[in-house]
Amino acid sequence: MSSFEDFIGFFPEVPLPVTLTDDMARVFSQTNPPAPQDLIDQFILPYEEEEADELTEFIPCFRIPETRDFYALVFWRASLMRYQFVLLCLDKAGRLIDRHVLAGTISRENTLIRSVATIDEDWEILVVSGQAPEGTLYQASSSSNFRMELLPEGQIVHLT
């Protein structure tokens, strides 16, 4: 069985700010080595809200720098018609503190929902989300945004 330190090693620290878009998933998959399935089984799957099937893919993206008492890891989860960047906060022993989907693309009932997130140097996260019926052009006026913050204890809170 692999260790928690092995798992953390698949998430390089990156300087902030960072913006999470669908295109960034490709960058991370080309830059970072894939995590072995046993590490995904141990440290990601127990905290997932939806079951993963044989087509579900997990890509380690990065670790938020300068967290002292926890790890803030971002990974990409790709499944059928659902592609998401997830922020997973774990204590130093690998136990869940908090988890939140930050950005991605979801197809739901003939509607395409896209969101983009930016994590700034102060650990504030701005998420902009929009939707459009499949086959139509996206209208920027239909977008919404909200803010979250990653607290020093590893919790993720909504600000607006």
N, C-alpha and C. Protein backbone atom coordinates (compact mmCIF):
# COMPACT_ATOMS: atom_id res chain seq x y z
N MET A 1 0.84 -1.18 0.00
CA MET A 1 0.00 0.00 0.00
C MET A 1 0.89 1.24 0.00
N SER A 2 0.52 2.20 -0.81
CA SER A 2 1.30 3.44 -0.92
C SER A 2 0.97 4.37 0.24
N SER A 3 1.83 5.34 0.44
CA SER A 3 1.66 6.24 1.56
C SER A 3 1.00 7.55 1.14
N PHE A 4 0.54 8.26 2.14
CA PHE A 4 -0.06 9.58 1.92
C PHE A 4 0.98 10.54 1.33
N GLU A 5 2.22 10.43 1.75
CA GLU A 5 3.27 11.28 1.20
C GLU A 5 3.47 11.00 -0.29
N ASP A 6 3.35 9.73 -0.69
CA ASP A 6 3.43 9.39 -2.11
C ASP A 6 2.33 10.11 -2.88
N PHE A 7 1.12 10.08 -2.33
CA PHE A 7 -0.03 10.72 -2.97
C PHE A 7 0.20 12.22 -3.12
N ILE A 8 0.61 12.89 -2.06
CA ILE A 8 0.84 14.33 -2.09
C ILE A 8 1.88 14.69 -3.15
N GLY A 9 2.84 13.83 -3.35
CA GLY A 9 3.89 14.07 -4.34
C GLY A 9 3.40 14.22 -5.77
N PHE A 10 2.21 13.78 -6.06
CA PHE A 10 1.66 13.93 -7.40
C PHE A 10 1.04 15.31 -7.64
N PHE A 11 1.03 16.15 -6.60
CA PHE A 11 0.42 17.47 -6.68
C PHE A 11 1.49 18.54 -6.44
N PRO A 12 2.10 19.05 -7.50
CA PRO A 12 3.12 20.08 -7.31
C PRO A 12 2.50 21.40 -6.84
N GLU A 13 3.24 22.12 -6.00
CA GLU A 13 2.77 23.45 -5.62
C GLU A 13 2.89 24.37 -6.83
N VAL A 14 1.91 25.25 -6.99
CA VAL A 14 1.95 26.23 -8.08
C VAL A 14 1.77 27.63 -7.49
N PRO A 15 2.37 28.61 -8.11
CA PRO A 15 2.16 29.98 -7.63
C PRO A 15 0.74 30.43 -7.96
N LEU A 16 0.18 31.21 -7.05
CA LEU A 16 -1.15 31.77 -7.27
C LEU A 16 -0.99 33.20 -7.80
N PRO A 17 -1.92 33.71 -8.58
CA PRO A 17 -3.24 33.15 -8.88
C PRO A 17 -3.17 32.08 -9.97
N VAL A 18 -4.20 31.25 -10.00
CA VAL A 18 -4.36 30.24 -11.04
C VAL A 18 -5.82 30.23 -11.45
N THR A 19 -6.05 30.10 -12.75
CA THR A 19 -7.40 30.05 -13.29
C THR A 19 -7.67 28.66 -13.85
N LEU A 20 -8.80 28.11 -13.46
CA LEU A 20 -9.17 26.75 -13.85
C LEU A 20 -10.20 26.81 -14.97
N THR A 21 -9.77 26.41 -16.16
CA THR A 21 -10.63 26.33 -17.33
C THR A 21 -10.54 24.92 -17.89
N ASP A 22 -11.44 24.57 -18.77
CA ASP A 22 -11.39 23.25 -19.39
C ASP A 22 -10.04 23.00 -20.06
N ASP A 23 -9.45 24.03 -20.67
CA ASP A 23 -8.16 23.87 -21.34
C ASP A 23 -7.04 23.53 -20.36
N MET A 24 -7.16 23.99 -19.12
CA MET A 24 -6.11 23.72 -18.13
C MET A 24 -6.03 22.23 -17.78
N ALA A 25 -7.11 21.52 -17.89
CA ALA A 25 -7.07 20.08 -17.60
C ALA A 25 -6.08 19.39 -18.53
N ARG A 26 -6.06 19.78 -19.77
CA ARG A 26 -5.14 19.20 -20.74
C ARG A 26 -3.69 19.53 -20.35
N VAL A 27 -3.46 20.76 -19.91
CA VAL A 27 -2.11 21.16 -19.50
C VAL A 27 -1.64 20.30 -18.32
N PHE A 28 -2.50 20.14 -17.32
CA PHE A 28 -2.12 19.33 -16.16
C PHE A 28 -1.88 17.87 -16.54
N SER A 29 -2.70 17.33 -17.44
CA SER A 29 -2.53 15.93 -17.81
C SER A 29 -1.25 15.70 -18.59
N GLN A 30 -0.77 16.73 -19.30
CA GLN A 30 0.47 16.60 -20.05
C GLN A 30 1.70 16.88 -19.19
N THR A 31 1.51 17.66 -18.12
CA THR A 31 2.63 18.08 -17.27
C THR A 31 2.86 17.14 -16.09
N ASN A 32 1.78 16.70 -15.46
CA ASN A 32 1.88 15.90 -14.24
C ASN A 32 1.74 14.41 -14.55
N PRO A 33 2.51 13.59 -13.87
CA PRO A 33 2.32 12.14 -14.06
C PRO A 33 0.99 11.70 -13.45
N PRO A 34 0.37 10.68 -14.02
CA PRO A 34 -0.90 10.19 -13.45
C PRO A 34 -0.65 9.51 -12.10
N ALA A 35 -1.61 9.68 -11.21
CA ALA A 35 -1.53 9.01 -9.90
C ALA A 35 -1.93 7.54 -10.09
N PRO A 36 -1.23 6.63 -9.44
CA PRO A 36 -1.61 5.22 -9.53
C PRO A 36 -3.00 4.98 -8.94
N GLN A 37 -3.67 3.98 -9.46
CA GLN A 37 -5.04 3.69 -9.03
C GLN A 37 -5.14 3.42 -7.53
N ASP A 38 -4.13 2.78 -6.93
CA ASP A 38 -4.23 2.49 -5.51
C ASP A 38 -4.25 3.77 -4.67
N LEU A 39 -3.55 4.83 -5.12
CA LEU A 39 -3.58 6.11 -4.40
C LEU A 39 -4.92 6.81 -4.59
N ILE A 40 -5.48 6.71 -5.78
CA ILE A 40 -6.82 7.28 -6.02
C ILE A 40 -7.84 6.56 -5.15
N ASP A 41 -7.74 5.23 -5.11
CA ASP A 41 -8.66 4.44 -4.29
C ASP A 41 -8.56 4.81 -2.80
N GLN A 42 -7.36 5.09 -2.34
CA GLN A 42 -7.13 5.38 -0.92
C GLN A 42 -7.49 6.81 -0.53
N PHE A 43 -7.14 7.79 -1.39
CA PHE A 43 -7.18 9.18 -0.94
C PHE A 43 -8.15 10.08 -1.68
N ILE A 44 -8.77 9.60 -2.75
CA ILE A 44 -9.78 10.40 -3.46
C ILE A 44 -11.15 9.76 -3.38
N LEU A 45 -11.25 8.51 -3.77
CA LEU A 45 -12.56 7.86 -3.86
C LEU A 45 -13.37 7.85 -2.57
N PRO A 46 -12.76 7.71 -1.40
CA PRO A 46 -13.59 7.73 -0.18
C PRO A 46 -14.33 9.05 0.04
N TYR A 47 -13.88 10.12 -0.60
CA TYR A 47 -14.47 11.44 -0.38
C TYR A 47 -15.33 11.92 -1.56
N GLU A 48 -15.47 11.08 -2.56
CA GLU A 48 -16.26 11.46 -3.73
C GLU A 48 -17.75 11.35 -3.43
N GLU A 49 -18.52 12.31 -3.93
CA GLU A 49 -19.96 12.32 -3.73
C GLU A 49 -20.67 11.38 -4.70
N GLU A 50 -20.07 11.17 -5.86
CA GLU A 50 -20.63 10.28 -6.87
C GLU A 50 -19.67 9.12 -7.10
N GLU A 51 -20.23 7.95 -7.33
CA GLU A 51 -19.39 6.79 -7.60
C GLU A 51 -18.62 6.98 -8.90
N ALA A 52 -17.44 6.43 -8.92
CA ALA A 52 -16.62 6.44 -10.14
C ALA A 52 -16.80 5.09 -10.83
N ASP A 53 -16.93 5.14 -12.14
CA ASP A 53 -17.01 3.90 -12.90
C ASP A 53 -15.70 3.69 -13.65
N GLU A 54 -15.65 2.69 -14.51
CA GLU A 54 -14.42 2.37 -15.22
C GLU A 54 -14.01 3.45 -16.22
N LEU A 55 -14.92 4.36 -16.55
CA LEU A 55 -14.62 5.44 -17.48
C LEU A 55 -14.20 6.73 -16.77
N THR A 56 -14.30 6.77 -15.46
CA THR A 56 -13.95 7.96 -14.70
C THR A 56 -12.44 8.08 -14.59
N GLU A 57 -11.95 9.29 -14.84
CA GLU A 57 -10.52 9.55 -14.80
C GLU A 57 -10.23 10.65 -13.79
N PHE A 58 -9.14 10.51 -13.07
CA PHE A 58 -8.69 11.51 -12.10
C PHE A 58 -7.29 11.96 -12.49
N ILE A 59 -7.10 13.28 -12.56
CA ILE A 59 -5.80 13.84 -12.92
C ILE A 59 -5.35 14.76 -11.79
N PRO A 60 -4.21 14.47 -11.15
CA PRO A 60 -3.67 15.41 -10.15
C PRO A 60 -3.28 16.71 -10.85
N CYS A 61 -3.69 17.83 -10.30
CA CYS A 61 -3.38 19.12 -10.93
C CYS A 61 -2.31 19.87 -10.14
N PHE A 62 -2.64 20.31 -8.92
CA PHE A 62 -1.67 21.08 -8.16
C PHE A 62 -2.07 21.13 -6.69
N ARG A 63 -1.14 21.67 -5.92
CA ARG A 63 -1.34 21.89 -4.49
C ARG A 63 -1.21 23.38 -4.23
N ILE A 64 -2.12 23.93 -3.45
CA ILE A 64 -2.07 25.35 -3.08
C ILE A 64 -0.91 25.53 -2.10
N PRO A 65 -0.04 26.51 -2.36
CA PRO A 65 1.15 26.68 -1.51
C PRO A 65 0.83 27.33 -0.16
N GLU A 66 1.77 27.15 0.76
CA GLU A 66 1.79 27.82 2.05
C GLU A 66 0.65 27.44 2.99
N THR A 67 0.13 26.23 2.83
CA THR A 67 -0.81 25.72 3.83
C THR A 67 0.04 25.04 4.88
N ARG A 68 -0.21 25.34 6.13
CA ARG A 68 0.67 24.81 7.19
C ARG A 68 0.15 23.50 7.76
N ASP A 69 -1.11 23.48 8.13
CA ASP A 69 -1.63 22.33 8.88
C ASP A 69 -2.47 21.39 8.03
N PHE A 70 -2.51 21.62 6.73
CA PHE A 70 -3.32 20.78 5.86
C PHE A 70 -2.77 20.87 4.44
N TYR A 71 -3.31 20.04 3.57
CA TYR A 71 -2.99 20.08 2.14
C TYR A 71 -4.25 20.48 1.39
N ALA A 72 -4.11 21.42 0.47
CA ALA A 72 -5.21 21.83 -0.40
C ALA A 72 -4.84 21.38 -1.81
N LEU A 73 -5.49 20.32 -2.27
CA LEU A 73 -5.17 19.68 -3.54
C LEU A 73 -6.28 19.91 -4.54
N VAL A 74 -5.89 20.20 -5.77
CA VAL A 74 -6.88 20.34 -6.85
C VAL A 74 -6.64 19.20 -7.83
N PHE A 75 -7.72 18.48 -8.14
CA PHE A 75 -7.63 17.43 -9.15
C PHE A 75 -8.78 17.60 -10.14
N TRP A 76 -8.62 16.98 -11.29
CA TRP A 76 -9.61 16.99 -12.36
C TRP A 76 -10.30 15.64 -12.35
N ARG A 77 -11.62 15.66 -12.33
CA ARG A 77 -12.40 14.44 -12.40
C ARG A 77 -13.18 14.49 -13.71
N ALA A 78 -12.96 13.50 -14.55
CA ALA A 78 -13.65 13.42 -15.83
C ALA A 78 -14.49 12.15 -15.86
N SER A 79 -15.77 12.32 -16.08
CA SER A 79 -16.68 11.19 -16.24
C SER A 79 -17.63 11.54 -17.37
N LEU A 80 -18.55 10.66 -17.65
CA LEU A 80 -19.46 10.86 -18.77
C LEU A 80 -20.27 12.14 -18.61
N MET A 81 -20.04 13.10 -19.49
CA MET A 81 -20.77 14.37 -19.55
C MET A 81 -20.59 15.23 -18.29
N ARG A 82 -19.50 15.00 -17.55
CA ARG A 82 -19.23 15.76 -16.34
C ARG A 82 -17.71 15.85 -16.15
N TYR A 83 -17.21 17.08 -16.23
CA TYR A 83 -15.77 17.34 -16.11
C TYR A 83 -15.59 18.42 -15.06
N GLN A 84 -14.86 18.10 -13.99
CA GLN A 84 -14.82 19.02 -12.86
C GLN A 84 -13.44 19.15 -12.24
N PHE A 85 -13.09 20.37 -11.84
CA PHE A 85 -11.96 20.61 -10.97
C PHE A 85 -12.48 20.58 -9.55
N VAL A 86 -11.83 19.79 -8.70
CA VAL A 86 -12.26 19.61 -7.32
C VAL A 86 -11.13 20.04 -6.39
N LEU A 87 -11.48 20.83 -5.37
CA LEU A 87 -10.55 21.20 -4.31
C LEU A 87 -10.79 20.27 -3.14
N LEU A 88 -9.76 19.54 -2.77
CA LEU A 88 -9.83 18.56 -1.68
C LEU A 88 -8.85 19.00 -0.60
N CYS A 89 -9.36 19.26 0.59
CA CYS A 89 -8.52 19.67 1.72
C CYS A 89 -8.43 18.52 2.70
N LEU A 90 -7.19 18.09 2.95
CA LEU A 90 -6.92 16.96 3.83
C LEU A 90 -5.96 17.40 4.93
N ASP A 91 -6.15 16.88 6.13
CA ASP A 91 -5.20 17.17 7.19
C ASP A 91 -3.91 16.40 6.92
N LYS A 92 -2.91 16.61 7.75
CA LYS A 92 -1.59 16.02 7.52
C LYS A 92 -1.60 14.49 7.61
N ALA A 93 -2.67 13.92 8.16
CA ALA A 93 -2.80 12.46 8.25
C ALA A 93 -3.63 11.90 7.09
N GLY A 94 -4.12 12.78 6.19
CA GLY A 94 -4.89 12.32 5.04
C GLY A 94 -6.38 12.26 5.28
N ARG A 95 -6.87 12.82 6.37
CA ARG A 95 -8.31 12.83 6.66
C ARG A 95 -8.96 14.06 6.06
N LEU A 96 -10.19 13.89 5.62
CA LEU A 96 -10.93 14.97 4.96
C LEU A 96 -11.23 16.12 5.92
N ILE A 97 -10.93 17.33 5.45
CA ILE A 97 -11.37 18.55 6.12
C ILE A 97 -12.55 19.12 5.35
N ASP A 98 -12.38 19.26 4.02
CA ASP A 98 -13.45 19.81 3.19
C ASP A 98 -13.19 19.44 1.73
N ARG A 99 -14.23 19.56 0.93
CA ARG A 99 -14.17 19.23 -0.50
C ARG A 99 -15.18 20.09 -1.22
N HIS A 100 -14.80 20.61 -2.39
CA HIS A 100 -15.75 21.43 -3.14
C HIS A 100 -15.38 21.40 -4.62
N VAL A 101 -16.39 21.29 -5.47
CA VAL A 101 -16.19 21.42 -6.92
C VAL A 101 -16.01 22.91 -7.21
N LEU A 102 -14.94 23.25 -7.94
CA LEU A 102 -14.66 24.65 -8.23
C LEU A 102 -15.10 25.08 -9.62
N ALA A 103 -14.86 24.23 -10.62
CA ALA A 103 -15.11 24.63 -12.00
C ALA A 103 -15.30 23.38 -12.85
N GLY A 104 -15.76 23.59 -14.08
CA GLY A 104 -15.89 22.47 -15.00
C GLY A 104 -17.03 22.64 -15.97
N THR A 105 -17.39 21.53 -16.59
CA THR A 105 -18.45 21.50 -17.59
C THR A 105 -19.35 20.30 -17.29
N ILE A 106 -20.65 20.56 -17.29
CA ILE A 106 -21.63 19.51 -17.05
C ILE A 106 -22.71 19.63 -18.11
N SER A 107 -23.11 18.49 -18.65
CA SER A 107 -24.26 18.45 -19.55
C SER A 107 -25.41 17.84 -18.78
N ARG A 108 -26.49 18.62 -18.67
CA ARG A 108 -27.64 18.16 -17.89
C ARG A 108 -28.93 18.53 -18.64
N GLU A 109 -29.70 17.52 -18.99
CA GLU A 109 -31.01 17.72 -19.62
C GLU A 109 -30.95 18.74 -20.77
N ASN A 110 -30.09 18.48 -21.74
CA ASN A 110 -29.94 19.31 -22.93
C ASN A 110 -29.44 20.71 -22.64
N THR A 111 -28.82 20.91 -21.48
CA THR A 111 -28.23 22.20 -21.14
C THR A 111 -26.77 21.98 -20.79
N LEU A 112 -25.92 22.84 -21.33
CA LEU A 112 -24.50 22.79 -21.05
C LEU A 112 -24.19 23.87 -20.00
N ILE A 113 -23.62 23.45 -18.88
CA ILE A 113 -23.28 24.36 -17.79
C ILE A 113 -21.76 24.39 -17.68
N ARG A 114 -21.19 25.58 -17.79
CA ARG A 114 -19.75 25.75 -17.69
C ARG A 114 -19.42 26.72 -16.59
N SER A 115 -18.35 26.41 -15.87
CA SER A 115 -17.87 27.35 -14.86
C SER A 115 -16.35 27.40 -14.89
N VAL A 116 -15.84 28.57 -14.54
CA VAL A 116 -14.41 28.85 -14.50
C VAL A 116 -14.12 29.40 -13.12
N ALA A 117 -13.00 29.02 -12.54
CA ALA A 117 -12.65 29.52 -11.20
C ALA A 117 -11.23 30.08 -11.22
N THR A 118 -11.05 31.14 -10.43
CA THR A 118 -9.72 31.71 -10.21
C THR A 118 -9.44 31.69 -8.71
N ILE A 119 -8.30 31.13 -8.34
CA ILE A 119 -7.86 31.12 -6.95
C ILE A 119 -6.76 32.17 -6.85
N ASP A 120 -6.98 33.18 -5.99
CA ASP A 120 -5.98 34.24 -5.89
C ASP A 120 -5.00 34.00 -4.74
N GLU A 121 -4.07 34.92 -4.59
CA GLU A 121 -3.00 34.78 -3.60
C GLU A 121 -3.52 34.73 -2.17
N ASP A 122 -4.68 35.30 -1.91
CA ASP A 122 -5.28 35.31 -0.57
C ASP A 122 -6.22 34.14 -0.35
N TRP A 123 -6.21 33.17 -1.24
CA TRP A 123 -7.04 31.97 -1.19
C TRP A 123 -8.52 32.27 -1.39
N GLU A 124 -8.82 33.42 -2.00
CA GLU A 124 -10.20 33.67 -2.41
C GLU A 124 -10.40 33.03 -3.77
N ILE A 125 -11.59 32.50 -3.97
CA ILE A 125 -11.91 31.78 -5.20
C ILE A 125 -13.11 32.45 -5.83
N LEU A 126 -12.95 32.94 -7.04
CA LEU A 126 -14.05 33.54 -7.79
C LEU A 126 -14.49 32.53 -8.83
N VAL A 127 -15.78 32.21 -8.82
CA VAL A 127 -16.34 31.25 -9.77
C VAL A 127 -17.35 31.99 -10.64
N VAL A 128 -17.20 31.85 -11.95
CA VAL A 128 -18.15 32.41 -12.91
C VAL A 128 -18.76 31.23 -13.65
N SER A 129 -20.09 31.20 -13.69
CA SER A 129 -20.80 30.06 -14.26
C SER A 129 -21.85 30.55 -15.24
N GLY A 130 -22.02 29.81 -16.30
CA GLY A 130 -23.05 30.13 -17.28
C GLY A 130 -23.60 28.87 -17.89
N GLN A 131 -24.76 29.00 -18.50
CA GLN A 131 -25.37 27.85 -19.13
C GLN A 131 -26.07 28.25 -20.41
N ALA A 132 -26.22 27.28 -21.29
CA ALA A 132 -26.90 27.50 -22.55
C ALA A 132 -27.48 26.17 -23.01
N PRO A 133 -28.66 26.20 -23.61
CA PRO A 133 -29.18 24.97 -24.20
C PRO A 133 -28.19 24.44 -25.25
N GLU A 134 -28.00 23.12 -25.28
CA GLU A 134 -27.09 22.53 -26.25
C GLU A 134 -27.46 22.96 -27.65
N GLY A 135 -26.44 23.30 -28.43
CA GLY A 135 -26.67 23.71 -29.81
C GLY A 135 -26.95 25.19 -29.98
N THR A 136 -26.96 25.96 -28.89
CA THR A 136 -27.16 27.41 -28.99
C THR A 136 -25.91 28.12 -28.49
N LEU A 137 -25.82 29.39 -28.80
CA LEU A 137 -24.69 30.18 -28.36
C LEU A 137 -24.87 30.62 -26.92
N TYR A 138 -23.78 30.64 -26.20
CA TYR A 138 -23.78 31.09 -24.81
C TYR A 138 -24.01 32.61 -24.77
N GLN A 139 -24.85 33.04 -23.86
CA GLN A 139 -25.11 34.46 -23.65
C GLN A 139 -24.46 34.89 -22.34
N ALA A 140 -23.49 35.81 -22.41
CA ALA A 140 -22.77 36.24 -21.21
C ALA A 140 -23.70 36.84 -20.17
N SER A 141 -24.79 37.43 -20.61
CA SER A 141 -25.72 38.05 -19.67
C SER A 141 -26.41 37.03 -18.76
N SER A 142 -26.34 35.76 -19.14
CA SER A 142 -26.98 34.72 -18.32
C SER A 142 -26.02 34.13 -17.28
N SER A 143 -24.79 34.65 -17.21
CA SER A 143 -23.82 34.08 -16.28
C SER A 143 -24.04 34.61 -14.87
N SER A 144 -23.53 33.87 -13.92
CA SER A 144 -23.58 34.28 -12.52
C SER A 144 -22.20 34.06 -11.92
N ASN A 145 -21.95 34.69 -10.79
CA ASN A 145 -20.67 34.47 -10.14
C ASN A 145 -20.86 34.45 -8.63
N PHE A 146 -19.94 33.80 -7.98
CA PHE A 146 -19.93 33.78 -6.52
C PHE A 146 -18.50 33.62 -6.07
N ARG A 147 -18.28 33.91 -4.79
CA ARG A 147 -16.95 33.83 -4.22
C ARG A 147 -16.93 32.85 -3.07
N MET A 148 -15.79 32.20 -2.94
CA MET A 148 -15.53 31.31 -1.83
C MET A 148 -14.17 31.69 -1.27
N GLU A 149 -13.89 31.16 -0.10
CA GLU A 149 -12.57 31.38 0.48
C GLU A 149 -12.10 30.10 1.14
N LEU A 150 -10.82 29.82 0.97
CA LEU A 150 -10.19 28.72 1.66
C LEU A 150 -9.62 29.28 2.96
N LEU A 151 -10.13 28.80 4.09
CA LEU A 151 -9.71 29.30 5.39
C LEU A 151 -8.41 28.64 5.84
N PRO A 152 -7.67 29.26 6.78
CA PRO A 152 -6.41 28.69 7.25
C PRO A 152 -6.52 27.31 7.88
N GLU A 153 -7.73 26.90 8.27
CA GLU A 153 -7.94 25.57 8.84
C GLU A 153 -8.28 24.54 7.78
N GLY A 154 -8.43 24.98 6.51
CA GLY A 154 -8.73 24.05 5.43
C GLY A 154 -10.19 23.95 5.06
N GLN A 155 -11.04 24.77 5.66
CA GLN A 155 -12.45 24.76 5.30
C GLN A 155 -12.68 25.72 4.13
N ILE A 156 -13.69 25.40 3.33
CA ILE A 156 -14.04 26.21 2.16
C ILE A 156 -15.39 26.83 2.47
N VAL A 157 -15.47 28.16 2.46
CA VAL A 157 -16.71 28.84 2.80
C VAL A 157 -17.16 29.73 1.65
N HIS A 158 -18.48 29.86 1.50
CA HIS A 158 -19.06 30.76 0.49
C HIS A 158 -19.10 32.17 1.07
N LEU A 159 -18.67 33.14 0.27
CA LEU A 159 -18.68 34.54 0.72
C LEU A 159 -19.88 35.29 0.16
N THR A 160 -20.32 34.97 -1.02
CA THR A 160 -21.49 35.65 -1.62
C THR A 160 -22.37 34.65 -2.31
